[in-house]
């Protein structure tokens, strides 16, 4: 950190979007800013998350208008394309009404065409605003630990300036070295394809293992020894242990369908085929059609298991806590 360029005192950081990812990212950045006596202003649809950031010392904007008026760097972390387009429609309009230049840093997973559209609209203002598309890789616990992988695209000078901030939330940064912001979106979709492809492969393999009566714990040991990558280890454990019914530290089926849908559309536009993504999409859709769209997207294994006439995986309930009297009886 000592070798990094010092922050300029005139930087005023705003943050919009405090979901599972956004909250941890914003909190890590705020912690750093506070250590050098700078502040952050935040806005979120759900005021409870904003209040939580306020308890850590961040300022809470009364409105998006208030945040734009007080910020010259604005990070956004939002759930999907619809949310990004809705928020940026307001941001772009407000950006035309301020006297200062703003650098927008969009970190969500969105379709490339949307990033291109937003970049063009942002830069059309006479204030010479800048739009950077910088998606991140990592689940919520990774965001909390400030070990995300950032991908950058957009104006080179602005990215160089932002890198000091990115390092407070990440373990590494991949610079695409392009002003074409659509490329970062394509890169993110490609990366997420590898993730969902891993899940589909694990779901099929673990289902076969159970049908063939191969010991699941032994399969897990093999995965951990032969494929010691975080995605392989984490998702294989979740599937074997049945920890797929919630998204407290994960990614929902509904959001997974959005991302896989984007991958398939990207492949179609470029004359490529993604049969693995097609299969994973159908498995995720089957889970959603059962009213379980809020489950972790690793629950796609239950579609594979259903086809194999196996029951869905579920986490074993914790044993009931014995009373002191019952514990004494057992002695």
C-alpha atoms as a PDB file:
ATOM      1  CA  UNK A   1       0.000   0.000   0.000  1.00  0.00           C
ATOM      2  CA  UNK A   2       2.914   2.365   0.748  1.00  0.00           C
ATOM      3  CA  UNK A   3       4.027   2.162  -2.881  1.00  0.00           C
ATOM      4  CA  UNK A   4       0.664   3.320  -4.215  1.00  0.00           C
ATOM      5  CA  UNK A   5      -0.022   6.894  -5.296  1.00  0.00           C
ATOM      6  CA  UNK A   6      -1.584   8.863  -2.435  1.00  0.00           C
ATOM      7  CA  UNK A   7      -5.232   9.763  -2.727  1.00  0.00           C
ATOM      8  CA  UNK A   8      -6.004  13.319  -3.737  1.00  0.00           C
ATOM      9  CA  UNK A   9      -7.871  15.162  -1.039  1.00  0.00           C
ATOM     10  CA  UNK A  10     -10.492  16.453  -3.485  1.00  0.00           C
ATOM     11  CA  UNK A  11     -11.818  12.947  -4.202  1.00  0.00           C
ATOM     12  CA  UNK A  12     -15.355  12.580  -2.863  1.00  0.00           C
ATOM     13  CA  UNK A  13     -16.561   8.995  -3.003  1.00  0.00           C
ATOM     14  CA  UNK A  14     -20.201   8.007  -3.441  1.00  0.00           C
ATOM     15  CA  UNK A  15     -21.555   4.440  -3.381  1.00  0.00           C
ATOM     16  CA  UNK A  16     -24.914   3.192  -4.684  1.00  0.00           C
ATOM     17  CA  UNK A  17     -26.039  -0.387  -4.010  1.00  0.00           C
ATOM     18  CA  UNK A  18     -25.513  -2.141  -0.673  1.00  0.00           C
ATOM     19  CA  UNK A  19     -26.592  -5.698  -1.397  1.00  0.00           C
ATOM     20  CA  UNK A  20     -24.570  -8.684  -0.234  1.00  0.00           C
ATOM     21  CA  UNK A  21     -21.682  -7.805  -2.528  1.00  0.00           C
ATOM     22  CA  UNK A  22     -22.004  -4.032  -2.506  1.00  0.00           C
ATOM     23  CA  UNK A  23     -22.171  -3.709   1.259  1.00  0.00           C
ATOM     24  CA  UNK A  24     -18.930  -5.613   1.876  1.00  0.00           C
ATOM     25  CA  UNK A  25     -17.127  -3.825  -0.940  1.00  0.00           C
ATOM     26  CA  UNK A  26     -18.284  -0.412   0.252  1.00  0.00           C
ATOM     27  CA  UNK A  27     -17.415  -1.232   3.850  1.00  0.00           C
ATOM     28  CA  UNK A  28     -13.852  -2.246   2.940  1.00  0.00           C
ATOM     29  CA  UNK A  29     -13.347   0.910   0.886  1.00  0.00           C
ATOM     30  CA  UNK A  30     -14.874   3.072   3.620  1.00  0.00           C
ATOM     31  CA  UNK A  31     -12.588   1.522   6.219  1.00  0.00           C
ATOM     32  CA  UNK A  32      -9.588   2.559   4.163  1.00  0.00           C
ATOM     33  CA  UNK A  33     -10.916   6.046   3.496  1.00  0.00           C
ATOM     34  CA  UNK A  34     -11.612   6.534   7.192  1.00  0.00           C
ATOM     35  CA  UNK A  35      -8.026   5.537   8.003  1.00  0.00           C
ATOM     36  CA  UNK A  36      -6.792   8.532   5.987  1.00  0.00           C
ATOM     37  CA  UNK A  37      -9.535  10.842   7.291  1.00  0.00           C
ATOM     38  CA  UNK A  38     -11.722  10.775   4.182  1.00  0.00           C
ATOM     39  CA  UNK A  39     -15.388   9.876   4.090  1.00  0.00           C
ATOM     40  CA  UNK A  40     -17.867   8.090   1.861  1.00  0.00           C
ATOM     41  CA  UNK A  41     -21.480   8.914   1.118  1.00  0.00           C
ATOM     42  CA  UNK A  42     -23.868   6.036   0.380  1.00  0.00           C
ATOM     43  CA  UNK A  43     -27.368   5.478  -0.954  1.00  0.00           C
ATOM     44  CA  UNK A  44     -29.422   2.284  -1.077  1.00  0.00           C
ATOM     45  CA  UNK A  45     -33.060   1.439  -1.781  1.00  0.00           C
ATOM     46  CA  UNK A  46     -33.281  -0.327   1.576  1.00  0.00           C
ATOM     47  CA  UNK A  47     -32.404   2.309   4.197  1.00  0.00           C
ATOM     48  CA  UNK A  48     -31.471  -0.400   6.722  1.00  0.00           C
ATOM     49  CA  UNK A  49     -28.245  -1.143   4.825  1.00  0.00           C
ATOM     50  CA  UNK A  50     -27.449   2.565   4.619  1.00  0.00           C
ATOM     51  CA  UNK A  51     -28.021   2.859   8.366  1.00  0.00           C
ATOM     52  CA  UNK A  52     -25.569   0.019   8.910  1.00  0.00           C
ATOM     53  CA  UNK A  53     -22.929   1.862   6.890  1.00  0.00           C
ATOM     54  CA  UNK A  54     -23.746   5.009   8.854  1.00  0.00           C
ATOM     55  CA  UNK A  55     -22.979   3.101  12.060  1.00  0.00           C
ATOM     56  CA  UNK A  56     -19.467   2.564  10.649  1.00  0.00           C
ATOM     57  CA  UNK A  57     -19.100   6.293  10.016  1.00  0.00           C
ATOM     58  CA  UNK A  58     -20.236   6.703   6.401  1.00  0.00           C
ATOM     59  CA  UNK A  59     -22.541   9.559   5.422  1.00  0.00           C
ATOM     60  CA  UNK A  60     -25.999   8.639   4.140  1.00  0.00           C
ATOM     61  CA  UNK A  61     -27.366  10.582   1.174  1.00  0.00           C
ATOM     62  CA  UNK A  62     -30.933  11.835   1.458  1.00  0.00           C
ATOM     63  CA  UNK A  63     -31.446  10.934  -2.211  1.00  0.00           C
ATOM     64  CA  UNK A  64     -29.552  10.049  -5.373  1.00  0.00           C
ATOM     65  CA  UNK A  65     -29.590  13.774  -6.205  1.00  0.00           C
ATOM     66  CA  UNK A  66     -27.856  14.471  -2.899  1.00  0.00           C
ATOM     67  CA  UNK A  67     -25.209  11.817  -3.581  1.00  0.00           C
ATOM     68  CA  UNK A  68     -24.454  13.107  -7.094  1.00  0.00           C
ATOM     69  CA  UNK A  69     -24.134  16.681  -5.826  1.00  0.00           C
ATOM     70  CA  UNK A  70     -21.555  15.589  -3.232  1.00  0.00           C
ATOM     71  CA  UNK A  71     -19.517  13.053  -5.232  1.00  0.00           C
ATOM     72  CA  UNK A  72     -16.988  13.160  -8.036  1.00  0.00           C
ATOM     73  CA  UNK A  73     -16.440   9.377  -8.009  1.00  0.00           C
ATOM     74  CA  UNK A  74     -19.504   7.117  -7.864  1.00  0.00           C
ATOM     75  CA  UNK A  75     -19.376   3.326  -7.527  1.00  0.00           C
ATOM     76  CA  UNK A  76     -22.461   1.267  -8.354  1.00  0.00           C
ATOM     77  CA  UNK A  77     -23.118  -2.353  -7.364  1.00  0.00           C
ATOM     78  CA  UNK A  78     -26.544  -3.498  -8.521  1.00  0.00           C
ATOM     79  CA  UNK A  79     -28.409  -6.785  -8.999  1.00  0.00           C
ATOM     80  CA  UNK A  80     -29.254  -6.842 -12.696  1.00  0.00           C
ATOM     81  CA  UNK A  81     -29.511  -4.920 -15.956  1.00  0.00           C
ATOM     82  CA  UNK A  82     -32.911  -3.466 -15.096  1.00  0.00           C
ATOM     83  CA  UNK A  83     -31.636  -2.010 -11.830  1.00  0.00           C
ATOM     84  CA  UNK A  84     -28.500  -0.647 -13.509  1.00  0.00           C
ATOM     85  CA  UNK A  85     -30.491   0.999 -16.299  1.00  0.00           C
ATOM     86  CA  UNK A  86     -33.002   2.487 -13.859  1.00  0.00           C
ATOM     87  CA  UNK A  87     -30.319   3.967 -11.582  1.00  0.00           C
ATOM     88  CA  UNK A  88     -28.156   5.240 -14.453  1.00  0.00           C
ATOM     89  CA  UNK A  89     -31.126   6.916 -16.122  1.00  0.00           C
ATOM     90  CA  UNK A  90     -31.289   9.078 -13.006  1.00  0.00           C
ATOM     91  CA  UNK A  91     -27.503   9.422 -12.648  1.00  0.00           C
ATOM     92  CA  UNK A  92     -26.993  10.505 -16.254  1.00  0.00           C
ATOM     93  CA  UNK A  93     -29.752  13.106 -16.004  1.00  0.00           C
ATOM     94  CA  UNK A  94     -28.324  14.466 -12.741  1.00  0.00           C
ATOM     95  CA  UNK A  95     -24.770  14.417 -14.105  1.00  0.00           C
ATOM     96  CA  UNK A  96     -25.853  16.966 -16.679  1.00  0.00           C
ATOM     97  CA  UNK A  97     -26.847  19.368 -13.918  1.00  0.00           C
ATOM     98  CA  UNK A  98     -23.589  19.511 -11.917  1.00  0.00           C
ATOM     99  CA  UNK A  99     -20.541  21.665 -12.491  1.00  0.00           C
ATOM    100  CA  UNK A 100     -17.931  19.023 -11.661  1.00  0.00           C
ATOM    101  CA  UNK A 101     -16.720  15.963 -13.576  1.00  0.00           C
ATOM    102  CA  UNK A 102     -17.721  12.538 -12.243  1.00  0.00           C
ATOM    103  CA  UNK A 103     -16.053   9.159 -12.724  1.00  0.00           C
ATOM    104  CA  UNK A 104     -18.670   6.397 -12.657  1.00  0.00           C
ATOM    105  CA  UNK A 105     -17.428   2.913 -11.740  1.00  0.00           C
ATOM    106  CA  UNK A 106     -20.015   0.251 -12.579  1.00  0.00           C
ATOM    107  CA  UNK A 107     -19.214  -3.134 -10.989  1.00  0.00           C
ATOM    108  CA  UNK A 108     -22.295  -5.232 -11.799  1.00  0.00           C
ATOM    109  CA  UNK A 109     -22.643  -8.148 -14.231  1.00  0.00           C
ATOM    110  CA  UNK A 110     -24.572  -6.684 -17.168  1.00  0.00           C
ATOM    111  CA  UNK A 111     -24.939  -7.301 -20.884  1.00  0.00           C
ATOM    112  CA  UNK A 112     -22.202  -5.657 -23.031  1.00  0.00           C
ATOM    113  CA  UNK A 113     -24.622  -3.565 -25.101  1.00  0.00           C
ATOM    114  CA  UNK A 114     -25.942  -1.876 -21.973  1.00  0.00           C
ATOM    115  CA  UNK A 115     -22.437  -0.880 -20.861  1.00  0.00           C
ATOM    116  CA  UNK A 116     -21.756   0.622 -24.296  1.00  0.00           C
ATOM    117  CA  UNK A 117     -25.009   2.576 -24.183  1.00  0.00           C
ATOM    118  CA  UNK A 118     -24.335   3.947 -20.684  1.00  0.00           C
ATOM    119  CA  UNK A 119     -20.761   4.901 -21.559  1.00  0.00           C
ATOM    120  CA  UNK A 120     -21.947   6.869 -24.587  1.00  0.00           C
ATOM    121  CA  UNK A 121     -24.640   8.649 -22.597  1.00  0.00           C
ATOM    122  CA  UNK A 122     -22.305   9.510 -19.713  1.00  0.00           C
ATOM    123  CA  UNK A 123     -19.571  10.896 -21.981  1.00  0.00           C
ATOM    124  CA  UNK A 124     -22.041  12.978 -24.018  1.00  0.00           C
ATOM    125  CA  UNK A 125     -22.259  15.587 -21.253  1.00  0.00           C
ATOM    126  CA  UNK A 126     -20.040  18.683 -21.608  1.00  0.00           C
ATOM    127  CA  UNK A 127     -18.588  18.033 -18.130  1.00  0.00           C
ATOM    128  CA  UNK A 128     -16.596  15.157 -19.713  1.00  0.00           C
ATOM    129  CA  UNK A 129     -17.830  12.558 -17.254  1.00  0.00           C
ATOM    130  CA  UNK A 130     -16.162   9.131 -17.446  1.00  0.00           C
ATOM    131  CA  UNK A 131     -17.764   5.679 -17.326  1.00  0.00           C
ATOM    132  CA  UNK A 132     -15.700   2.646 -16.307  1.00  0.00           C
ATOM    133  CA  UNK A 133     -17.021  -0.920 -16.482  1.00  0.00           C
ATOM    134  CA  UNK A 134     -15.239  -2.885 -13.763  1.00  0.00           C
ATOM    135  CA  UNK A 135     -17.016  -6.124 -12.844  1.00  0.00           C
ATOM    136  CA  UNK A 136     -15.758  -8.298 -10.004  1.00  0.00           C
ATOM    137  CA  UNK A 137     -15.345 -12.029  -9.429  1.00  0.00           C
ATOM    138  CA  UNK A 138     -16.068 -13.586  -6.041  1.00  0.00           C
ATOM    139  CA  UNK A 139     -18.917 -14.569  -3.745  1.00  0.00           C
ATOM    140  CA  UNK A 140     -20.049 -12.434  -0.756  1.00  0.00           C
ATOM    141  CA  UNK A 141     -17.549 -13.998   1.723  1.00  0.00           C
ATOM    142  CA  UNK A 142     -14.761 -13.167  -0.739  1.00  0.00           C
ATOM    143  CA  UNK A 143     -16.022  -9.597  -0.995  1.00  0.00           C
ATOM    144  CA  UNK A 144     -16.067  -9.369   2.804  1.00  0.00           C
ATOM    145  CA  UNK A 145     -12.470 -10.581   2.965  1.00  0.00           C
ATOM    146  CA  UNK A 146     -11.440  -7.979   0.325  1.00  0.00           C
ATOM    147  CA  UNK A 147     -10.167 -10.750  -1.973  1.00  0.00           C
ATOM    148  CA  UNK A 148     -12.200 -10.057  -5.098  1.00  0.00           C
ATOM    149  CA  UNK A 149     -10.767 -10.149  -8.620  1.00  0.00           C
ATOM    150  CA  UNK A 150     -11.461  -6.865 -10.413  1.00  0.00           C
ATOM    151  CA  UNK A 151     -11.616  -6.464 -14.196  1.00  0.00           C
ATOM    152  CA  UNK A 152     -11.108  -2.975 -15.644  1.00  0.00           C
ATOM    153  CA  UNK A 153     -12.127  -1.294 -18.886  1.00  0.00           C
ATOM    154  CA  UNK A 154     -12.512   2.323 -19.915  1.00  0.00           C
ATOM    155  CA  UNK A 155     -10.382   5.462 -19.786  1.00  0.00           C
ATOM    156  CA  UNK A 156      -6.789   4.482 -18.947  1.00  0.00           C
ATOM    157  CA  UNK A 157      -5.989   7.545 -16.810  1.00  0.00           C
ATOM    158  CA  UNK A 158      -9.174   7.163 -14.793  1.00  0.00           C
ATOM    159  CA  UNK A 159      -8.451   3.469 -14.204  1.00  0.00           C
ATOM    160  CA  UNK A 160      -4.943   4.298 -12.986  1.00  0.00           C
ATOM    161  CA  UNK A 161      -6.453   6.765 -10.539  1.00  0.00           C
ATOM    162  CA  UNK A 162      -9.072   4.241  -9.369  1.00  0.00           C
ATOM    163  CA  UNK A 163      -6.622   1.380  -8.830  1.00  0.00           C
ATOM    164  CA  UNK A 164      -5.769   2.635  -5.358  1.00  0.00           C
ATOM    165  CA  UNK A 165      -9.412   2.237  -4.417  1.00  0.00           C
ATOM    166  CA  UNK A 166      -9.752  -1.130  -6.139  1.00  0.00           C
ATOM    167  CA  UNK A 167      -6.860  -2.573  -4.120  1.00  0.00           C
ATOM    168  CA  UNK A 168      -8.766  -1.974  -0.876  1.00  0.00           C
ATOM    169  CA  UNK A 169     -11.414  -4.458  -2.060  1.00  0.00           C
ATOM    170  CA  UNK A 170      -9.430  -7.011  -4.046  1.00  0.00           C
ATOM    171  CA  UNK A 171      -6.611  -9.514  -4.183  1.00  0.00           C
ATOM    172  CA  UNK A 172      -5.871  -8.900  -7.862  1.00  0.00           C
ATOM    173  CA  UNK A 173      -6.830  -6.667 -10.781  1.00  0.00           C
ATOM    174  CA  UNK A 174      -7.029  -7.729 -14.416  1.00  0.00           C
ATOM    175  CA  UNK A 175      -6.545  -4.780 -16.765  1.00  0.00           C
ATOM    176  CA  UNK A 176      -8.079  -5.397 -20.180  1.00  0.00           C
ATOM    177  CA  UNK A 177      -6.315  -2.279 -21.478  1.00  0.00           C
ATOM    178  CA  UNK A 178      -9.219  -1.179 -23.633  1.00  0.00           C
ATOM    179  CA  UNK A 179     -11.548   1.801 -23.732  1.00  0.00           C
ATOM    180  CA  UNK A 180     -14.289  -0.510 -25.040  1.00  0.00           C
ATOM    181  CA  UNK A 181     -16.308  -1.060 -21.867  1.00  0.00           C
ATOM    182  CA  UNK A 182     -18.296  -3.902 -23.472  1.00  0.00           C
ATOM    183  CA  UNK A 183     -15.157  -6.054 -23.295  1.00  0.00           C
ATOM    184  CA  UNK A 184     -15.237  -6.176 -19.483  1.00  0.00           C
ATOM    185  CA  UNK A 185     -18.843  -7.404 -19.622  1.00  0.00           C
ATOM    186  CA  UNK A 186     -17.882 -10.086 -22.129  1.00  0.00           C
ATOM    187  CA  UNK A 187     -14.947 -11.087 -19.928  1.00  0.00           C
ATOM    188  CA  UNK A 188     -17.193 -11.348 -16.867  1.00  0.00           C
ATOM    189  CA  UNK A 189     -19.724 -13.503 -18.695  1.00  0.00           C
ATOM    190  CA  UNK A 190     -16.924 -15.769 -19.906  1.00  0.00           C
ATOM    191  CA  UNK A 191     -15.609 -16.112 -16.350  1.00  0.00           C
ATOM    192  CA  UNK A 192     -19.072 -16.871 -15.018  1.00  0.00           C
ATOM    193  CA  UNK A 193     -19.499 -19.458 -17.789  1.00  0.00           C
ATOM    194  CA  UNK A 194     -16.496 -21.313 -16.376  1.00  0.00           C
ATOM    195  CA  UNK A 195     -18.131 -21.183 -12.940  1.00  0.00           C
ATOM    196  CA  UNK A 196     -21.548 -22.458 -14.023  1.00  0.00           C
ATOM    197  CA  UNK A 197     -19.843 -25.037 -16.246  1.00  0.00           C
ATOM    198  CA  UNK A 198     -17.949 -26.276 -13.190  1.00  0.00           C
ATOM    199  CA  UNK A 199     -21.210 -26.570 -11.262  1.00  0.00           C
ATOM    200  CA  UNK A 200     -22.907 -28.484 -14.074  1.00  0.00           C
ATOM    201  CA  UNK A 201     -19.953 -30.870 -14.315  1.00  0.00           C
ATOM    202  CA  UNK A 202     -19.916 -31.430 -10.556  1.00  0.00           C
ATOM    203  CA  UNK A 203     -23.690 -31.918 -10.423  1.00  0.00           C
ATOM    204  CA  UNK A 204     -23.572 -34.597 -13.106  1.00  0.00           C
ATOM    205  CA  UNK A 205     -20.493 -36.321 -11.678  1.00  0.00           C
ATOM    206  CA  UNK A 206     -21.716 -36.346  -8.073  1.00  0.00           C
ATOM    207  CA  UNK A 207     -25.106 -37.662  -9.182  1.00  0.00           C
ATOM    208  CA  UNK A 208     -23.428 -40.482 -11.106  1.00  0.00           C
ATOM    209  CA  UNK A 209     -21.252 -41.227  -8.069  1.00  0.00           C
ATOM    210  CA  UNK A 210     -24.306 -41.656  -5.878  1.00  0.00           C
ATOM    211  CA  UNK A 211     -26.123 -43.808  -8.417  1.00  0.00           C
ATOM    212  CA  UNK A 212     -23.022 -46.001  -8.746  1.00  0.00           C
ATOM    213  CA  UNK A 213     -22.623 -46.086  -4.949  1.00  0.00           C
ATOM    214  CA  UNK A 214     -19.224 -44.403  -4.995  1.00  0.00           C
ATOM    215  CA  UNK A 215     -18.430 -42.856  -1.620  1.00  0.00           C
ATOM    216  CA  UNK A 216     -19.148 -39.102  -1.812  1.00  0.00           C
ATOM    217  CA  UNK A 217     -16.562 -38.125   0.796  1.00  0.00           C
ATOM    218  CA  UNK A 218     -13.906 -39.914  -1.237  1.00  0.00           C
ATOM    219  CA  UNK A 219     -15.037 -37.989  -4.327  1.00  0.00           C
ATOM    220  CA  UNK A 220     -14.682 -34.763  -2.347  1.00  0.00           C
ATOM    221  CA  UNK A 221     -11.137 -35.708  -1.322  1.00  0.00           C
ATOM    222  CA  UNK A 222     -10.308 -36.372  -4.975  1.00  0.00           C
ATOM    223  CA  UNK A 223     -11.715 -32.992  -6.050  1.00  0.00           C
ATOM    224  CA  UNK A 224      -9.769 -31.183  -3.325  1.00  0.00           C
ATOM    225  CA  UNK A 225      -6.532 -32.965  -4.272  1.00  0.00           C
ATOM    226  CA  UNK A 226      -6.813 -32.985  -8.064  1.00  0.00           C
ATOM    227  CA  UNK A 227      -8.812 -29.780  -8.706  1.00  0.00           C
ATOM    228  CA  UNK A 228      -7.761 -27.490  -5.817  1.00  0.00           C
ATOM    229  CA  UNK A 229      -9.595 -24.456  -7.162  1.00  0.00           C
ATOM    230  CA  UNK A 230     -12.022 -22.494  -4.944  1.00  0.00           C
ATOM    231  CA  UNK A 231     -15.044 -23.023  -7.227  1.00  0.00           C
ATOM    232  CA  UNK A 232     -14.499 -26.782  -7.485  1.00  0.00           C
ATOM    233  CA  UNK A 233     -13.968 -27.219  -3.746  1.00  0.00           C
ATOM    234  CA  UNK A 234     -16.743 -24.901  -2.567  1.00  0.00           C
ATOM    235  CA  UNK A 235     -19.463 -26.091  -4.935  1.00  0.00           C
ATOM    236  CA  UNK A 236     -18.663 -29.786  -4.529  1.00  0.00           C
ATOM    237  CA  UNK A 237     -18.934 -29.410  -0.758  1.00  0.00           C
ATOM    238  CA  UNK A 238     -22.205 -27.502  -1.016  1.00  0.00           C
ATOM    239  CA  UNK A 239     -23.696 -30.186  -3.239  1.00  0.00           C
ATOM    240  CA  UNK A 240     -22.539 -33.135  -1.152  1.00  0.00           C
ATOM    241  CA  UNK A 241     -23.508 -31.513   2.142  1.00  0.00           C
ATOM    242  CA  UNK A 242     -26.853 -30.323   0.763  1.00  0.00           C
ATOM    243  CA  UNK A 243     -26.082 -26.681   1.513  1.00  0.00           C
ATOM    244  CA  UNK A 244     -27.879 -25.357  -1.573  1.00  0.00           C
ATOM    245  CA  UNK A 245     -31.179 -24.098  -0.210  1.00  0.00           C
ATOM    246  CA  UNK A 246     -30.154 -20.560   0.727  1.00  0.00           C
ATOM    247  CA  UNK A 247     -28.042 -17.708  -0.599  1.00  0.00           C
ATOM    248  CA  UNK A 248     -26.741 -16.188   2.635  1.00  0.00           C
ATOM    249  CA  UNK A 249     -23.245 -16.332   1.188  1.00  0.00           C
ATOM    250  CA  UNK A 250     -23.975 -17.242  -2.395  1.00  0.00           C
ATOM    251  CA  UNK A 251     -25.742 -16.453  -5.641  1.00  0.00           C
ATOM    252  CA  UNK A 252     -29.408 -17.117  -6.357  1.00  0.00           C
ATOM    253  CA  UNK A 253     -30.944 -19.255  -9.095  1.00  0.00           C
ATOM    254  CA  UNK A 254     -32.770 -16.166 -10.413  1.00  0.00           C
ATOM    255  CA  UNK A 255     -29.516 -14.213 -10.815  1.00  0.00           C
ATOM    256  CA  UNK A 256     -27.843 -17.302 -12.254  1.00  0.00           C
ATOM    257  CA  UNK A 257     -30.507 -17.515 -14.946  1.00  0.00           C
ATOM    258  CA  UNK A 258     -29.862 -13.865 -15.778  1.00  0.00           C
ATOM    259  CA  UNK A 259     -26.129 -14.451 -16.199  1.00  0.00           C
ATOM    260  CA  UNK A 260     -26.459 -17.717 -18.125  1.00  0.00           C
ATOM    261  CA  UNK A 261     -29.073 -16.074 -20.347  1.00  0.00           C
ATOM    262  CA  UNK A 262     -26.555 -13.328 -21.130  1.00  0.00           C
ATOM    263  CA  UNK A 263     -23.874 -15.932 -21.945  1.00  0.00           C
ATOM    264  CA  UNK A 264     -26.172 -17.731 -24.368  1.00  0.00           C
ATOM    265  CA  UNK A 265     -27.156 -14.453 -26.044  1.00  0.00           C
ATOM    266  CA  UNK A 266     -23.499 -13.439 -26.380  1.00  0.00           C
ATOM    267  CA  UNK A 267     -22.685 -16.798 -27.968  1.00  0.00           C
ATOM    268  CA  UNK A 268     -25.621 -16.444 -30.369  1.00  0.00           C
ATOM    269  CA  UNK A 269     -24.513 -12.949 -31.414  1.00  0.00           C
ATOM    270  CA  UNK A 270     -20.987 -14.153 -32.180  1.00  0.00           C
ATOM    271  CA  UNK A 271     -21.872 -17.409 -33.916  1.00  0.00           C
ATOM    272  CA  UNK A 272     -20.625 -19.643 -31.091  1.00  0.00           C
ATOM    273  CA  UNK A 273     -22.367 -22.421 -29.193  1.00  0.00           C
ATOM    274  CA  UNK A 274     -22.431 -23.088 -25.447  1.00  0.00           C
ATOM    275  CA  UNK A 275     -24.100 -26.489 -24.967  1.00  0.00           C
ATOM    276  CA  UNK A 276     -22.948 -26.628 -21.350  1.00  0.00           C
ATOM    277  CA  UNK A 277     -24.599 -23.277 -20.653  1.00  0.00           C
ATOM    278  CA  UNK A 278     -27.764 -24.473 -22.411  1.00  0.00           C
ATOM    279  CA  UNK A 279     -27.919 -27.542 -20.153  1.00  0.00           C
ATOM    280  CA  UNK A 280     -27.184 -25.524 -16.998  1.00  0.00           C
ATOM    281  CA  UNK A 281     -29.863 -22.986 -17.980  1.00  0.00           C
ATOM    282  CA  UNK A 282     -32.475 -25.726 -18.307  1.00  0.00           C
ATOM    283  CA  UNK A 283     -31.497 -27.166 -14.929  1.00  0.00           C
ATOM    284  CA  UNK A 284     -31.665 -23.747 -13.259  1.00  0.00           C
ATOM    285  CA  UNK A 285     -35.006 -23.034 -14.946  1.00  0.00           C
ATOM    286  CA  UNK A 286     -36.417 -26.291 -13.589  1.00  0.00           C
ATOM    287  CA  UNK A 287     -35.451 -25.229 -10.056  1.00  0.00           C
ATOM    288  CA  UNK A 288     -37.025 -21.805 -10.540  1.00  0.00           C
ATOM    289  CA  UNK A 289     -40.194 -23.344 -11.989  1.00  0.00           C
ATOM    290  CA  UNK A 290     -40.569 -25.225  -8.697  1.00  0.00           C
ATOM    291  CA  UNK A 291     -40.746 -21.884  -6.904  1.00  0.00           C
ATOM    292  CA  UNK A 292     -37.162 -22.068  -5.638  1.00  0.00           C
ATOM    293  CA  UNK A 293     -35.582 -19.192  -7.515  1.00  0.00           C
ATOM    294  CA  UNK A 294     -34.059 -17.786  -4.319  1.00  0.00           C
ATOM    295  CA  UNK A 295     -32.021 -20.924  -3.634  1.00  0.00           C
ATOM    296  CA  UNK A 296     -28.283 -20.914  -4.307  1.00  0.00           C
ATOM    297  CA  UNK A 297     -27.600 -21.624  -7.976  1.00  0.00           C
ATOM    298  CA  UNK A 298     -25.672 -24.763  -7.000  1.00  0.00           C
ATOM    299  CA  UNK A 299     -29.148 -26.231  -6.386  1.00  0.00           C
ATOM    300  CA  UNK A 300     -29.162 -27.025 -10.115  1.00  0.00           C
ATOM    301  CA  UNK A 301     -27.879 -30.414  -8.906  1.00  0.00           C
ATOM    302  CA  UNK A 302     -31.425 -31.191  -7.822  1.00  0.00           C
ATOM    303  CA  UNK A 303     -32.592 -31.060 -11.441  1.00  0.00           C
ATOM    304  CA  UNK A 304     -29.877 -33.544 -12.361  1.00  0.00           C
ATOM    305  CA  UNK A 305     -30.800 -35.746  -9.392  1.00  0.00           C
ATOM    306  CA  UNK A 306     -34.481 -35.620 -10.288  1.00  0.00           C
ATOM    307  CA  UNK A 307     -33.726 -36.968 -13.773  1.00  0.00           C
ATOM    308  CA  UNK A 308     -31.755 -39.774 -12.097  1.00  0.00           C
ATOM    309  CA  UNK A 309     -34.719 -40.498  -9.784  1.00  0.00           C
ATOM    310  CA  UNK A 310     -32.811 -39.350  -6.692  1.00  0.00           C
ATOM    311  CA  UNK A 311     -34.281 -37.108  -3.969  1.00  0.00           C
ATOM    312  CA  UNK A 312     -33.094 -33.492  -3.739  1.00  0.00           C
ATOM    313  CA  UNK A 313     -30.044 -32.811  -1.608  1.00  0.00           C
ATOM    314  CA  UNK A 314     -30.803 -31.105   1.694  1.00  0.00           C
ATOM    315  CA  UNK A 315     -28.638 -30.097   4.604  1.00  0.00           C
ATOM    316  CA  UNK A 316     -29.087 -32.409   7.562  1.00  0.00           C
ATOM    317  CA  UNK A 317     -30.791 -30.553  10.424  1.00  0.00           C
ATOM    318  CA  UNK A 318     -28.643 -29.928  13.466  1.00  0.00           C
ATOM    319  CA  UNK A 319     -29.418 -32.277  16.395  1.00  0.00           C
ATOM    320  CA  UNK A 320     -31.664 -30.707  19.033  1.00  0.00           C
ATOM    321  CA  UNK A 321     -29.876 -29.136  21.974  1.00  0.00           C
ATOM    322  CA  UNK A 322     -30.384 -31.244  25.083  1.00  0.00           C
ATOM    323  CA  UNK A 323     -31.484 -29.634  28.322  1.00  0.00           C
ATOM    324  CA  UNK A 324     -29.158 -29.714  31.291  1.00  0.00           C
ATOM    325  CA  UNK A 325     -31.386 -32.387  32.898  1.00  0.00           C
ATOM    326  CA  UNK A 326     -31.192 -34.582  29.771  1.00  0.00           C
ATOM    327  CA  UNK A 327     -27.415 -34.122  29.600  1.00  0.00           C
ATOM    328  CA  UNK A 328     -27.060 -35.238  33.209  1.00  0.00           C
ATOM    329  CA  UNK A 329     -29.215 -38.310  32.486  1.00  0.00           C
ATOM    330  CA  UNK A 330     -26.844 -39.351  29.758  1.00  0.00           C
ATOM    331  CA  UNK A 331     -23.824 -39.334  32.076  1.00  0.00           C
END
